[in-house]
Amino acid sequence: MIGKFGGNGGFGRVILALAFAAFAACGSAAAQAPAAKPKIIIATGIDPSFAHYVVAVKKGFFEKQGIDAELRSFDDGNVALDSILTGAADIGGTSELGGIARIARGGKLYVMASGIQYADFFGLVGKKTIQKPKDLEGKIVGVPRGSGAHLYMAKYAAFHGIDLAKVNIKFLQAPESVAALARGDIDAFFLWDPWLTRAATSVPDTRIIARSGQDNVFRLNTYVYFSERLVGNKELAQKAMRALIEGGDWAMANRTEASKLVGEAYRLPAADAEKIMEPIQWYIHFDPVFRASLLDAAEFAKQAGIIKDMPSIDPFLRADILETVDRTRVKGR
């Protein structure tokens, strides 16, 4: 048997050659297999202002950048930010107060840009018996604590001379508000759409009393927040920013189609989504005035007992990623 195969050495060489060929084939297959795409989770609220995130995912702008992106929706943008802090998400968006309150408590949230601009985003809706701002005194008024609507309520009260000590403020989340108004648990609430319009059209004897842009009381400027993990990977952060820019620009240029995507994502009639989206801008940019706006929100948060101390925010203002991607979108650079 030994002579038949040319000796033990010859047989061994055959086996070794076959093994080497198999190993080489496996190595070649591994080399040819595409590398796994980095995964990014985007946490949003459930209103049409988050259209740029929806579009960036649904239209493949993240995929274009080689990113596997997934949307996860929460009651509002503030709750969505909490998922970033727990490591469950990488990108989120909300207004000044929600972000700064979490930064003040030690949260690692980085302000990368403005993502949403709309003067009349927030509003006050209530019973028709509320004829003038001072009529809120003695009434039960709902608002999500620590939200942009909470800050708007404070600015609205200051502008119109309302004594908030005489207002029975009830803290409740956005999805609870319309039902609470319908039951008579509250007389009015400060919020945003779709809840404002939904209440005005579904609850009898109810109307939208005011919008935040009236008398220039308050203007929405919602920020794009990145996680510490994402900021630490500059190449990935730059790619994510490119996807968001493309998503925002596309949403503004294709509002009807964008509203259909948003309607599907948040279970809203496309027509309602389009109406809400009509005045909203999603111009991704960075402006040095953001710092003052964030500090203003922090001052309110401290007075309202939401935070104990004023935070140091400069380490969390990160214009550098956007500046690398598109210098023209960073004011003053």
C-alpha atoms as a PDB file:
ATOM      1  CA  MET A   1       0.000   0.000   0.000  1.00  0.00           C
ATOM      2  CA  ILE A   2       2.890   2.303   0.661  1.00  0.00           C
ATOM      3  CA  GLY A   3       4.366   1.769  -2.815  1.00  0.00           C
ATOM      4  CA  LYS A   4       0.992   2.275  -4.529  1.00  0.00           C
ATOM      5  CA  PHE A   5       0.849   5.941  -3.553  1.00  0.00           C
ATOM      6  CA  GLY A   6       4.541   6.604  -3.969  1.00  0.00           C
ATOM      7  CA  GLY A   7       5.334   6.287  -0.244  1.00  0.00           C
ATOM      8  CA  ASN A   8       4.009   7.964   2.885  1.00  0.00           C
ATOM      9  CA  GLY A   9       5.726  11.235   1.945  1.00  0.00           C
ATOM     10  CA  GLY A  10       3.862  11.481  -1.374  1.00  0.00           C
ATOM     11  CA  PHE A  11       0.492  10.812   0.184  1.00  0.00           C
ATOM     12  CA  GLY A  12       1.189  13.436   2.862  1.00  0.00           C
ATOM     13  CA  ARG A  13       2.072  15.979   0.222  1.00  0.00           C
ATOM     14  CA  VAL A  14      -1.235  15.352  -1.584  1.00  0.00           C
ATOM     15  CA  ILE A  15      -3.223  15.852   1.609  1.00  0.00           C
ATOM     16  CA  LEU A  16      -1.244  18.998   2.447  1.00  0.00           C
ATOM     17  CA  ALA A  17      -1.855  20.430  -1.029  1.00  0.00           C
ATOM     18  CA  LEU A  18      -5.590  19.776  -0.796  1.00  0.00           C
ATOM     19  CA  ALA A  19      -5.744  21.380   2.632  1.00  0.00           C
ATOM     20  CA  PHE A  20      -3.843  24.439   1.427  1.00  0.00           C
ATOM     21  CA  ALA A  21      -6.169  24.796  -1.572  1.00  0.00           C
ATOM     22  CA  ALA A  22      -9.228  24.620   0.670  1.00  0.00           C
ATOM     23  CA  PHE A  23      -7.749  27.216   3.040  1.00  0.00           C
ATOM     24  CA  ALA A  24      -6.912  29.506   0.138  1.00  0.00           C
ATOM     25  CA  ALA A  25     -10.446  29.174  -1.238  1.00  0.00           C
ATOM     26  CA  CYS A  26     -11.917  30.103   2.137  1.00  0.00           C
ATOM     27  CA  GLY A  27      -9.576  33.051   2.421  1.00  0.00           C
ATOM     28  CA  SER A  28     -10.511  34.226  -1.057  1.00  0.00           C
ATOM     29  CA  ALA A  29     -14.237  33.980  -0.266  1.00  0.00           C
ATOM     30  CA  ALA A  30     -13.734  35.945   2.939  1.00  0.00           C
ATOM     31  CA  ALA A  31     -11.810  38.614   1.091  1.00  0.00           C
ATOM     32  CA  GLN A  32     -14.574  38.904  -1.490  1.00  0.00           C
ATOM     33  CA  ALA A  33     -17.394  39.095   1.098  1.00  0.00           C
ATOM     34  CA  PRO A  34     -18.524  42.709   1.678  1.00  0.00           C
ATOM     35  CA  ALA A  35     -17.622  44.233   5.020  1.00  0.00           C
ATOM     36  CA  ALA A  36     -20.529  44.730   7.406  1.00  0.00           C
ATOM     37  CA  LYS A  37     -21.970  48.257   7.262  1.00  0.00           C
ATOM     38  CA  PRO A  38     -21.759  50.301  10.451  1.00  0.00           C
ATOM     39  CA  LYS A  39     -25.115  50.429  12.225  1.00  0.00           C
ATOM     40  CA  ILE A  40     -26.683  53.702  13.351  1.00  0.00           C
ATOM     41  CA  ILE A  41     -29.949  54.023  15.288  1.00  0.00           C
ATOM     42  CA  ILE A  42     -31.912  57.244  14.859  1.00  0.00           C
ATOM     43  CA  ALA A  43     -34.342  58.091  17.658  1.00  0.00           C
ATOM     44  CA  THR A  44     -37.212  60.465  16.823  1.00  0.00           C
ATOM     45  CA  GLY A  45     -40.525  61.707  18.120  1.00  0.00           C
ATOM     46  CA  ILE A  46     -43.733  60.945  16.238  1.00  0.00           C
ATOM     47  CA  ASP A  47     -44.548  64.224  14.519  1.00  0.00           C
ATOM     48  CA  PRO A  48     -43.770  65.416  10.969  1.00  0.00           C
ATOM     49  CA  SER A  49     -41.020  67.788  12.073  1.00  0.00           C
ATOM     50  CA  PHE A  50     -38.728  64.745  12.064  1.00  0.00           C
ATOM     51  CA  ALA A  51     -39.187  64.363   8.299  1.00  0.00           C
ATOM     52  CA  HIS A  52     -35.498  64.839   7.470  1.00  0.00           C
ATOM     53  CA  TYR A  53     -34.595  61.765   9.527  1.00  0.00           C
ATOM     54  CA  VAL A  54     -37.345  59.693   7.937  1.00  0.00           C
ATOM     55  CA  VAL A  55     -36.357  60.782   4.436  1.00  0.00           C
ATOM     56  CA  ALA A  56     -32.641  60.206   5.023  1.00  0.00           C
ATOM     57  CA  VAL A  57     -33.389  56.590   5.950  1.00  0.00           C
ATOM     58  CA  LYS A  58     -36.275  55.775   3.598  1.00  0.00           C
ATOM     59  CA  LYS A  59     -34.720  57.373   0.506  1.00  0.00           C
ATOM     60  CA  GLY A  60     -31.433  55.579   1.063  1.00  0.00           C
ATOM     61  CA  PHE A  61     -29.219  58.563   1.853  1.00  0.00           C
ATOM     62  CA  PHE A  62     -27.645  56.750   4.811  1.00  0.00           C
ATOM     63  CA  GLU A  63     -27.211  53.652   2.678  1.00  0.00           C
ATOM     64  CA  LYS A  64     -25.499  55.831   0.058  1.00  0.00           C
ATOM     65  CA  GLN A  65     -22.949  56.691   2.736  1.00  0.00           C
ATOM     66  CA  GLY A  66     -22.413  53.017   3.532  1.00  0.00           C
ATOM     67  CA  ILE A  67     -24.458  53.129   6.747  1.00  0.00           C
ATOM     68  CA  ASP A  68     -27.129  50.704   7.910  1.00  0.00           C
ATOM     69  CA  ALA A  69     -29.569  53.150   9.541  1.00  0.00           C
ATOM     70  CA  GLU A  70     -32.704  52.312  11.508  1.00  0.00           C
ATOM     71  CA  LEU A  71     -35.490  54.587  12.754  1.00  0.00           C
ATOM     72  CA  ARG A  72     -36.987  54.165  16.227  1.00  0.00           C
ATOM     73  CA  SER A  73     -39.850  56.400  17.320  1.00  0.00           C
ATOM     74  CA  PHE A  74     -40.785  57.622  20.800  1.00  0.00           C
ATOM     75  CA  ASP A  75     -43.500  59.840  22.321  1.00  0.00           C
ATOM     76  CA  ASP A  76     -41.411  62.943  21.664  1.00  0.00           C
ATOM     77  CA  GLY A  77     -37.891  64.113  20.908  1.00  0.00           C
ATOM     78  CA  ASN A  78     -36.941  64.418  24.582  1.00  0.00           C
ATOM     79  CA  VAL A  79     -37.785  60.797  25.311  1.00  0.00           C
ATOM     80  CA  ALA A  80     -35.895  59.861  22.154  1.00  0.00           C
ATOM     81  CA  LEU A  81     -32.774  61.574  23.512  1.00  0.00           C
ATOM     82  CA  ASP A  82     -32.856  59.327  26.554  1.00  0.00           C
ATOM     83  CA  SER A  83     -32.273  56.359  24.263  1.00  0.00           C
ATOM     84  CA  ILE A  84     -29.010  57.990  23.169  1.00  0.00           C
ATOM     85  CA  LEU A  85     -27.932  58.306  26.792  1.00  0.00           C
ATOM     86  CA  THR A  86     -28.619  54.617  27.416  1.00  0.00           C
ATOM     87  CA  GLY A  87     -26.582  53.618  24.365  1.00  0.00           C
ATOM     88  CA  ALA A  88     -29.629  52.446  22.434  1.00  0.00           C
ATOM     89  CA  ALA A  89     -29.398  55.165  19.750  1.00  0.00           C
ATOM     90  CA  ASP A  90     -26.831  57.397  18.070  1.00  0.00           C
ATOM     91  CA  ILE A  91     -28.760  60.356  16.645  1.00  0.00           C
ATOM     92  CA  GLY A  92     -31.744  62.317  17.921  1.00  0.00           C
ATOM     93  CA  GLY A  93     -33.353  65.711  17.735  1.00  0.00           C
ATOM     94  CA  THR A  94     -35.185  68.044  20.071  1.00  0.00           C
ATOM     95  CA  SER A  95     -35.270  71.699  21.067  1.00  0.00           C
ATOM     96  CA  GLU A  96     -32.965  73.590  23.422  1.00  0.00           C
ATOM     97  CA  LEU A  97     -34.544  72.660  26.721  1.00  0.00           C
ATOM     98  CA  GLY A  98     -34.668  68.894  26.278  1.00  0.00           C
ATOM     99  CA  GLY A  99     -31.023  68.683  25.285  1.00  0.00           C
ATOM    100  CA  ILE A 100     -29.561  71.149  27.763  1.00  0.00           C
ATOM    101  CA  ALA A 101     -31.452  69.605  30.700  1.00  0.00           C
ATOM    102  CA  ARG A 102     -29.843  66.240  29.968  1.00  0.00           C
ATOM    103  CA  ILE A 103     -26.398  67.731  29.420  1.00  0.00           C
ATOM    104  CA  ALA A 104     -26.710  69.499  32.775  1.00  0.00           C
ATOM    105  CA  ARG A 105     -27.323  66.138  34.450  1.00  0.00           C
ATOM    106  CA  GLY A 106     -24.145  64.706  32.945  1.00  0.00           C
ATOM    107  CA  GLY A 107     -25.530  63.362  29.677  1.00  0.00           C
ATOM    108  CA  LYS A 108     -23.100  63.089  26.777  1.00  0.00           C
ATOM    109  CA  LEU A 109     -25.145  64.719  24.025  1.00  0.00           C
ATOM    110  CA  TYR A 110     -23.413  66.716  21.315  1.00  0.00           C
ATOM    111  CA  VAL A 111     -25.111  69.604  19.507  1.00  0.00           C
ATOM    112  CA  MET A 112     -24.089  69.172  15.887  1.00  0.00           C
ATOM    113  CA  ALA A 113     -26.420  71.509  13.992  1.00  0.00           C
ATOM    114  CA  SER A 114     -29.905  72.932  13.734  1.00  0.00           C
ATOM    115  CA  GLY A 115     -32.166  70.456  12.009  1.00  0.00           C
ATOM    116  CA  ILE A 116     -35.636  72.050  12.095  1.00  0.00           C
ATOM    117  CA  GLN A 117     -36.690  75.692  11.842  1.00  0.00           C
ATOM    118  CA  TYR A 118     -40.297  76.846  12.226  1.00  0.00           C
ATOM    119  CA  ALA A 119     -41.578  79.941  14.039  1.00  0.00           C
ATOM    120  CA  ASP A 120     -45.106  78.657  14.709  1.00  0.00           C
ATOM    121  CA  PHE A 121     -44.278  75.094  15.686  1.00  0.00           C
ATOM    122  CA  PHE A 122     -45.459  75.400  19.296  1.00  0.00           C
ATOM    123  CA  GLY A 123     -48.890  76.584  20.268  1.00  0.00           C
ATOM    124  CA  LEU A 124     -51.616  76.864  22.855  1.00  0.00           C
ATOM    125  CA  VAL A 125     -54.942  75.099  22.362  1.00  0.00           C
ATOM    126  CA  GLY A 126     -57.883  75.284  24.746  1.00  0.00           C
ATOM    127  CA  LYS A 127     -61.553  75.777  25.399  1.00  0.00           C
ATOM    128  CA  LYS A 128     -63.261  78.665  23.648  1.00  0.00           C
ATOM    129  CA  THR A 129     -64.054  80.126  27.053  1.00  0.00           C
ATOM    130  CA  ILE A 130     -60.400  81.199  27.164  1.00  0.00           C
ATOM    131  CA  GLN A 131     -60.712  84.485  25.302  1.00  0.00           C
ATOM    132  CA  LYS A 132     -57.513  86.242  26.319  1.00  0.00           C
ATOM    133  CA  PRO A 133     -54.120  85.150  27.749  1.00  0.00           C
ATOM    134  CA  LYS A 134     -54.934  86.180  31.341  1.00  0.00           C
ATOM    135  CA  ASP A 135     -57.889  83.790  31.244  1.00  0.00           C
ATOM    136  CA  LEU A 136     -55.384  80.970  31.794  1.00  0.00           C
ATOM    137  CA  GLU A 137     -55.126  82.043  35.431  1.00  0.00           C
ATOM    138  CA  GLY A 138     -57.297  79.731  37.489  1.00  0.00           C
ATOM    139  CA  LYS A 139     -57.329  77.108  34.723  1.00  0.00           C
ATOM    140  CA  ILE A 140     -55.714  73.654  34.497  1.00  0.00           C
ATOM    141  CA  VAL A 141     -53.099  73.728  31.751  1.00  0.00           C
ATOM    142  CA  GLY A 142     -51.193  70.728  30.462  1.00  0.00           C
ATOM    143  CA  VAL A 143     -47.624  70.653  29.124  1.00  0.00           C
ATOM    144  CA  PRO A 144     -44.807  68.080  28.896  1.00  0.00           C
ATOM    145  CA  ARG A 145     -42.274  68.984  31.579  1.00  0.00           C
ATOM    146  CA  GLY A 146     -38.865  69.965  30.271  1.00  0.00           C
ATOM    147  CA  SER A 147     -40.015  70.229  26.670  1.00  0.00           C
ATOM    148  CA  GLY A 148     -39.793  73.074  24.175  1.00  0.00           C
ATOM    149  CA  ALA A 149     -43.505  73.634  24.788  1.00  0.00           C
ATOM    150  CA  HIS A 150     -42.722  74.098  28.495  1.00  0.00           C
ATOM    151  CA  LEU A 151     -40.228  76.836  27.623  1.00  0.00           C
ATOM    152  CA  TYR A 152     -42.741  78.406  25.241  1.00  0.00           C
ATOM    153  CA  MET A 153     -45.356  78.437  28.010  1.00  0.00           C
ATOM    154  CA  ALA A 154     -42.974  80.374  30.255  1.00  0.00           C
ATOM    155  CA  LYS A 155     -42.153  82.885  27.510  1.00  0.00           C
ATOM    156  CA  TYR A 156     -45.830  83.250  26.567  1.00  0.00           C
ATOM    157  CA  ALA A 157     -46.749  83.912  30.203  1.00  0.00           C
ATOM    158  CA  ALA A 158     -43.980  86.485  30.616  1.00  0.00           C
ATOM    159  CA  PHE A 159     -44.931  88.274  27.394  1.00  0.00           C
ATOM    160  CA  HIS A 160     -48.628  88.481  28.294  1.00  0.00           C
ATOM    161  CA  GLY A 161     -48.225  89.129  32.023  1.00  0.00           C
ATOM    162  CA  ILE A 162     -49.734  85.817  33.145  1.00  0.00           C
ATOM    163  CA  ASP A 163     -49.006  84.852  36.752  1.00  0.00           C
ATOM    164  CA  LEU A 164     -48.064  81.169  36.441  1.00  0.00           C
ATOM    165  CA  ALA A 165     -48.471  80.797  40.197  1.00  0.00           C
ATOM    166  CA  LYS A 166     -52.205  81.191  39.527  1.00  0.00           C
ATOM    167  CA  VAL A 167     -52.212  78.550  36.782  1.00  0.00           C
ATOM    168  CA  ASN A 168     -52.719  74.911  37.733  1.00  0.00           C
ATOM    169  CA  ILE A 169     -49.998  73.315  35.602  1.00  0.00           C
ATOM    170  CA  LYS A 170     -50.391  69.611  34.931  1.00  0.00           C
ATOM    171  CA  PHE A 171     -47.417  67.789  33.459  1.00  0.00           C
ATOM    172  CA  LEU A 172     -48.369  65.156  30.911  1.00  0.00           C
ATOM    173  CA  GLN A 173     -46.910  63.652  27.744  1.00  0.00           C
ATOM    174  CA  ALA A 174     -47.983  64.769  24.288  1.00  0.00           C
ATOM    175  CA  PRO A 175     -50.100  61.698  23.364  1.00  0.00           C
ATOM    176  CA  GLU A 176     -52.148  62.099  26.572  1.00  0.00           C
ATOM    177  CA  SER A 177     -53.067  65.727  25.979  1.00  0.00           C
ATOM    178  CA  VAL A 178     -55.947  65.523  23.512  1.00  0.00           C
ATOM    179  CA  ALA A 179     -57.761  62.871  25.562  1.00  0.00           C
ATOM    180  CA  ALA A 180     -57.193  64.860  28.766  1.00  0.00           C
ATOM    181  CA  LEU A 181     -58.710  67.941  27.129  1.00  0.00           C
ATOM    182  CA  ALA A 182     -61.671  65.931  25.804  1.00  0.00           C
ATOM    183  CA  ARG A 183     -62.356  64.472  29.277  1.00  0.00           C
ATOM    184  CA  GLY A 184     -62.203  67.888  30.889  1.00  0.00           C
ATOM    185  CA  ASP A 185     -59.144  66.982  32.976  1.00  0.00           C
ATOM    186  CA  ILE A 186     -57.447  70.097  31.621  1.00  0.00           C
ATOM    187  CA  ASP A 187     -58.721  73.349  30.096  1.00  0.00           C
ATOM    188  CA  ALA A 188     -55.835  73.956  27.700  1.00  0.00           C
ATOM    189  CA  PHE A 189     -52.379  72.692  26.763  1.00  0.00           C
ATOM    190  CA  PHE A 190     -49.135  73.958  25.269  1.00  0.00           C
ATOM    191  CA  LEU A 191     -47.785  71.583  22.639  1.00  0.00           C
ATOM    192  CA  TRP A 192     -46.997  71.155  18.948  1.00  0.00           C
ATOM    193  CA  ASP A 193     -48.654  69.552  15.959  1.00  0.00           C
ATOM    194  CA  PRO A 194     -50.225  67.137  15.242  1.00  0.00           C
ATOM    195  CA  TRP A 195     -51.686  67.459  18.754  1.00  0.00           C
ATOM    196  CA  LEU A 196     -52.746  71.118  18.397  1.00  0.00           C
ATOM    197  CA  THR A 197     -54.689  70.538  15.193  1.00  0.00           C
ATOM    198  CA  ARG A 198     -56.023  67.207  16.399  1.00  0.00           C
ATOM    199  CA  ALA A 199     -57.485  68.807  19.525  1.00  0.00           C
ATOM    200  CA  ALA A 200     -58.963  71.754  17.644  1.00  0.00           C
ATOM    201  CA  THR A 201     -60.683  69.474  15.139  1.00  0.00           C
ATOM    202  CA  SER A 202     -61.814  66.658  17.431  1.00  0.00           C
ATOM    203  CA  VAL A 203     -62.652  68.226  20.804  1.00  0.00           C
ATOM    204  CA  PRO A 204     -65.861  70.329  20.826  1.00  0.00           C
ATOM    205  CA  ASP A 205     -65.647  74.022  21.691  1.00  0.00           C
ATOM    206  CA  THR A 206     -61.876  74.021  21.358  1.00  0.00           C
ATOM    207  CA  ARG A 207     -59.599  76.268  19.311  1.00  0.00           C
ATOM    208  CA  ILE A 208     -55.933  77.049  18.734  1.00  0.00           C
ATOM    209  CA  ILE A 209     -55.473  80.165  20.842  1.00  0.00           C
ATOM    210  CA  ALA A 210     -51.914  81.109  19.942  1.00  0.00           C
ATOM    211  CA  ARG A 211     -48.865  80.062  17.939  1.00  0.00           C
ATOM    212  CA  SER A 212     -45.301  80.552  19.141  1.00  0.00           C
ATOM    213  CA  GLY A 213     -44.296  82.863  16.303  1.00  0.00           C
ATOM    214  CA  GLN A 214     -47.023  85.390  17.103  1.00  0.00           C
ATOM    215  CA  ASP A 215     -45.466  88.560  18.534  1.00  0.00           C
ATOM    216  CA  ASN A 216     -42.125  86.769  18.107  1.00  0.00           C
ATOM    217  CA  VAL A 217     -42.616  85.109  21.498  1.00  0.00           C
ATOM    218  CA  PHE A 218     -40.641  81.961  20.664  1.00  0.00           C
ATOM    219  CA  ARG A 219     -39.179  80.324  17.567  1.00  0.00           C
ATOM    220  CA  LEU A 220     -38.502  76.625  17.247  1.00  0.00           C
ATOM    221  CA  ASN A 221     -34.916  75.654  16.571  1.00  0.00           C
ATOM    222  CA  THR A 222     -34.536  71.930  17.005  1.00  0.00           C
ATOM    223  CA  TYR A 223     -31.015  70.573  17.152  1.00  0.00           C
ATOM    224  CA  VAL A 224     -29.353  67.465  15.805  1.00  0.00           C
ATOM    225  CA  TYR A 225     -27.746  65.586  18.692  1.00  0.00           C
ATOM    226  CA  PHE A 226     -25.072  62.893  18.231  1.00  0.00           C
ATOM    227  CA  SER A 227     -23.995  60.304  20.770  1.00  0.00           C
ATOM    228  CA  GLU A 228     -20.523  60.200  22.278  1.00  0.00           C
ATOM    229  CA  ARG A 229     -19.838  57.015  20.327  1.00  0.00           C
ATOM    230  CA  LEU A 230     -20.709  58.612  17.007  1.00  0.00           C
ATOM    231  CA  VAL A 231     -18.792  61.830  17.678  1.00  0.00           C
ATOM    232  CA  GLY A 232     -15.772  59.686  18.537  1.00  0.00           C
ATOM    233  CA  ASN A 233     -15.797  58.222  15.029  1.00  0.00           C
ATOM    234  CA  LYS A 234     -15.256  61.317  12.877  1.00  0.00           C
ATOM    235  CA  GLU A 235     -15.439  59.535   9.539  1.00  0.00           C
ATOM    236  CA  LEU A 236     -18.744  57.898  10.434  1.00  0.00           C
ATOM    237  CA  ALA A 237     -20.068  61.148  11.927  1.00  0.00           C
ATOM    238  CA  GLN A 238     -19.245  63.018   8.717  1.00  0.00           C
ATOM    239  CA  LYS A 239     -21.022  60.402   6.628  1.00  0.00           C
ATOM    240  CA  ALA A 240     -24.084  60.593   8.890  1.00  0.00           C
ATOM    241  CA  MET A 241     -24.096  64.379   8.577  1.00  0.00           C
ATOM    242  CA  ARG A 242     -23.992  64.136   4.777  1.00  0.00           C
ATOM    243  CA  ALA A 243     -27.010  61.810   4.865  1.00  0.00           C
ATOM    244  CA  LEU A 244     -28.951  64.217   7.084  1.00  0.00           C
ATOM    245  CA  ILE A 245     -28.131  67.191   4.862  1.00  0.00           C
ATOM    246  CA  GLU A 246     -29.354  65.297   1.830  1.00  0.00           C
ATOM    247  CA  GLY A 247     -32.459  64.188   3.712  1.00  0.00           C
ATOM    248  CA  GLY A 248     -33.325  67.741   4.770  1.00  0.00           C
ATOM    249  CA  ASP A 249     -32.755  69.213   1.335  1.00  0.00           C
ATOM    250  CA  TRP A 250     -34.791  66.462  -0.334  1.00  0.00           C
ATOM    251  CA  ALA A 251     -37.673  66.864   2.131  1.00  0.00           C
ATOM    252  CA  MET A 252     -37.903  70.579   1.361  1.00  0.00           C
ATOM    253  CA  ALA A 253     -37.761  70.016  -2.400  1.00  0.00           C
ATOM    254  CA  ASN A 254     -40.242  67.100  -2.431  1.00  0.00           C
ATOM    255  CA  ARG A 255     -42.764  67.848   0.305  1.00  0.00           C
ATOM    256  CA  THR A 256     -45.647  65.776  -1.068  1.00  0.00           C
ATOM    257  CA  GLU A 257     -43.598  62.606  -1.406  1.00  0.00           C
ATOM    258  CA  ALA A 258     -41.841  63.312   1.892  1.00  0.00           C
ATOM    259  CA  SER A 259     -45.208  63.635   3.632  1.00  0.00           C
ATOM    260  CA  LYS A 260     -46.175  60.163   2.396  1.00  0.00           C
ATOM    261  CA  LEU A 261     -43.005  58.702   3.893  1.00  0.00           C
ATOM    262  CA  VAL A 262     -43.657  60.529   7.162  1.00  0.00           C
ATOM    263  CA  GLY A 263     -47.287  59.402   7.197  1.00  0.00           C
ATOM    264  CA  GLU A 264     -46.223  55.792   6.816  1.00  0.00           C
ATOM    265  CA  ALA A 265     -43.543  56.092   9.495  1.00  0.00           C
ATOM    266  CA  TYR A 266     -45.767  57.767  12.102  1.00  0.00           C
ATOM    267  CA  ARG A 267     -49.206  56.462  11.058  1.00  0.00           C
ATOM    268  CA  LEU A 268     -50.529  59.850  10.019  1.00  0.00           C
ATOM    269  CA  PRO A 269     -52.721  60.623   7.002  1.00  0.00           C
ATOM    270  CA  ALA A 270     -50.371  61.916   4.319  1.00  0.00           C
ATOM    271  CA  ALA A 271     -52.545  64.991   3.785  1.00  0.00           C
ATOM    272  CA  ASP A 272     -52.308  65.909   7.481  1.00  0.00           C
ATOM    273  CA  ALA A 273     -48.567  65.362   7.469  1.00  0.00           C
ATOM    274  CA  GLU A 274     -48.130  67.537   4.386  1.00  0.00           C
ATOM    275  CA  LYS A 275     -50.159  70.373   5.899  1.00  0.00           C
ATOM    276  CA  ILE A 276     -48.047  70.336   9.064  1.00  0.00           C
ATOM    277  CA  MET A 277     -44.822  70.086   7.070  1.00  0.00           C
ATOM    278  CA  GLU A 278     -45.658  72.913   4.666  1.00  0.00           C
ATOM    279  CA  PRO A 279     -44.003  75.766   6.643  1.00  0.00           C
ATOM    280  CA  ILE A 280     -41.160  73.749   8.196  1.00  0.00           C
ATOM    281  CA  GLN A 281     -37.552  74.094   7.018  1.00  0.00           C
ATOM    282  CA  TRP A 282     -34.921  71.379   7.417  1.00  0.00           C
ATOM    283  CA  TYR A 283     -31.826  73.392   6.581  1.00  0.00           C
ATOM    284  CA  ILE A 284     -28.927  71.725   8.386  1.00  0.00           C
ATOM    285  CA  HIS A 285     -26.636  74.483   9.651  1.00  0.00           C
ATOM    286  CA  PHE A 286     -24.709  75.762  12.661  1.00  0.00           C
ATOM    287  CA  ASP A 287     -24.858  79.290  14.068  1.00  0.00           C
ATOM    288  CA  PRO A 288     -22.912  80.700  17.066  1.00  0.00           C
ATOM    289  CA  VAL A 289     -26.209  82.094  18.443  1.00  0.00           C
ATOM    290  CA  PHE A 290     -27.135  78.521  19.391  1.00  0.00           C
ATOM    291  CA  ARG A 291     -24.969  78.920  22.467  1.00  0.00           C
ATOM    292  CA  ALA A 292     -27.039  81.831  23.789  1.00  0.00           C
ATOM    293  CA  SER A 293     -30.291  79.970  23.082  1.00  0.00           C
ATOM    294  CA  LEU A 294     -29.091  76.902  24.958  1.00  0.00           C
ATOM    295  CA  LEU A 295     -27.952  78.974  27.932  1.00  0.00           C
ATOM    296  CA  ASP A 296     -31.315  80.769  27.969  1.00  0.00           C
ATOM    297  CA  ALA A 297     -33.058  77.404  28.121  1.00  0.00           C
ATOM    298  CA  ALA A 298     -30.687  76.270  30.873  1.00  0.00           C
ATOM    299  CA  GLU A 299     -31.508  79.360  32.932  1.00  0.00           C
ATOM    300  CA  PHE A 300     -35.210  78.582  32.664  1.00  0.00           C
ATOM    301  CA  ALA A 301     -34.564  74.926  33.540  1.00  0.00           C
ATOM    302  CA  LYS A 302     -32.724  75.992  36.685  1.00  0.00           C
ATOM    303  CA  GLN A 303     -35.499  78.379  37.740  1.00  0.00           C
ATOM    304  CA  ALA A 304     -38.105  75.671  37.103  1.00  0.00           C
ATOM    305  CA  GLY A 305     -36.208  73.132  39.198  1.00  0.00           C
ATOM    306  CA  ILE A 306     -35.507  70.875  36.211  1.00  0.00           C
ATOM    307  CA  ILE A 307     -31.741  71.163  36.768  1.00  0.00           C
ATOM    308  CA  LYS A 308     -29.686  72.208  39.793  1.00  0.00           C
ATOM    309  CA  ASP A 309     -26.704  73.929  38.202  1.00  0.00           C
ATOM    310  CA  MET A 310     -25.906  75.701  34.956  1.00  0.00           C
ATOM    311  CA  PRO A 311     -23.978  73.346  32.671  1.00  0.00           C
ATOM    312  CA  SER A 312     -20.726  73.979  30.843  1.00  0.00           C
ATOM    313  CA  ILE A 313     -21.932  73.619  27.266  1.00  0.00           C
ATOM    314  CA  ASP A 314     -18.923  74.543  25.140  1.00  0.00           C
ATOM    315  CA  PRO A 315     -17.513  70.966  25.027  1.00  0.00           C
ATOM    316  CA  PHE A 316     -20.856  69.824  23.609  1.00  0.00           C
ATOM    317  CA  LEU A 317     -21.083  72.335  20.751  1.00  0.00           C
ATOM    318  CA  ARG A 318     -19.561  70.541  17.773  1.00  0.00           C
ATOM    319  CA  ALA A 319     -19.589  72.553  14.578  1.00  0.00           C
ATOM    320  CA  ASP A 320     -16.415  70.817  13.388  1.00  0.00           C
ATOM    321  CA  ILE A 321     -18.149  67.823  11.781  1.00  0.00           C
ATOM    322  CA  LEU A 322     -20.515  69.969   9.717  1.00  0.00           C
ATOM    323  CA  GLU A 323     -17.701  72.381   8.872  1.00  0.00           C
ATOM    324  CA  THR A 324     -15.672  69.524   7.393  1.00  0.00           C
ATOM    325  CA  VAL A 325     -18.659  68.322   5.370  1.00  0.00           C
ATOM    326  CA  ASP A 326     -19.892  71.737   4.160  1.00  0.00           C
ATOM    327  CA  ARG A 327     -18.174  74.873   5.423  1.00  0.00           C
ATOM    328  CA  THR A 328     -20.884  77.122   3.932  1.00  0.00           C
ATOM    329  CA  ARG A 329     -23.421  75.775   6.452  1.00  0.00           C
ATOM    330  CA  VAL A 330     -21.429  76.986   9.469  1.00  0.00           C
ATOM    331  CA  LYS A 331     -21.975  80.673  10.121  1.00  0.00           C
ATOM    332  CA  GLY A 332     -18.989  82.774  11.104  1.00  0.00           C
ATOM    333  CA  ARG A 333     -16.398  80.300   9.805  1.00  0.00           C
END
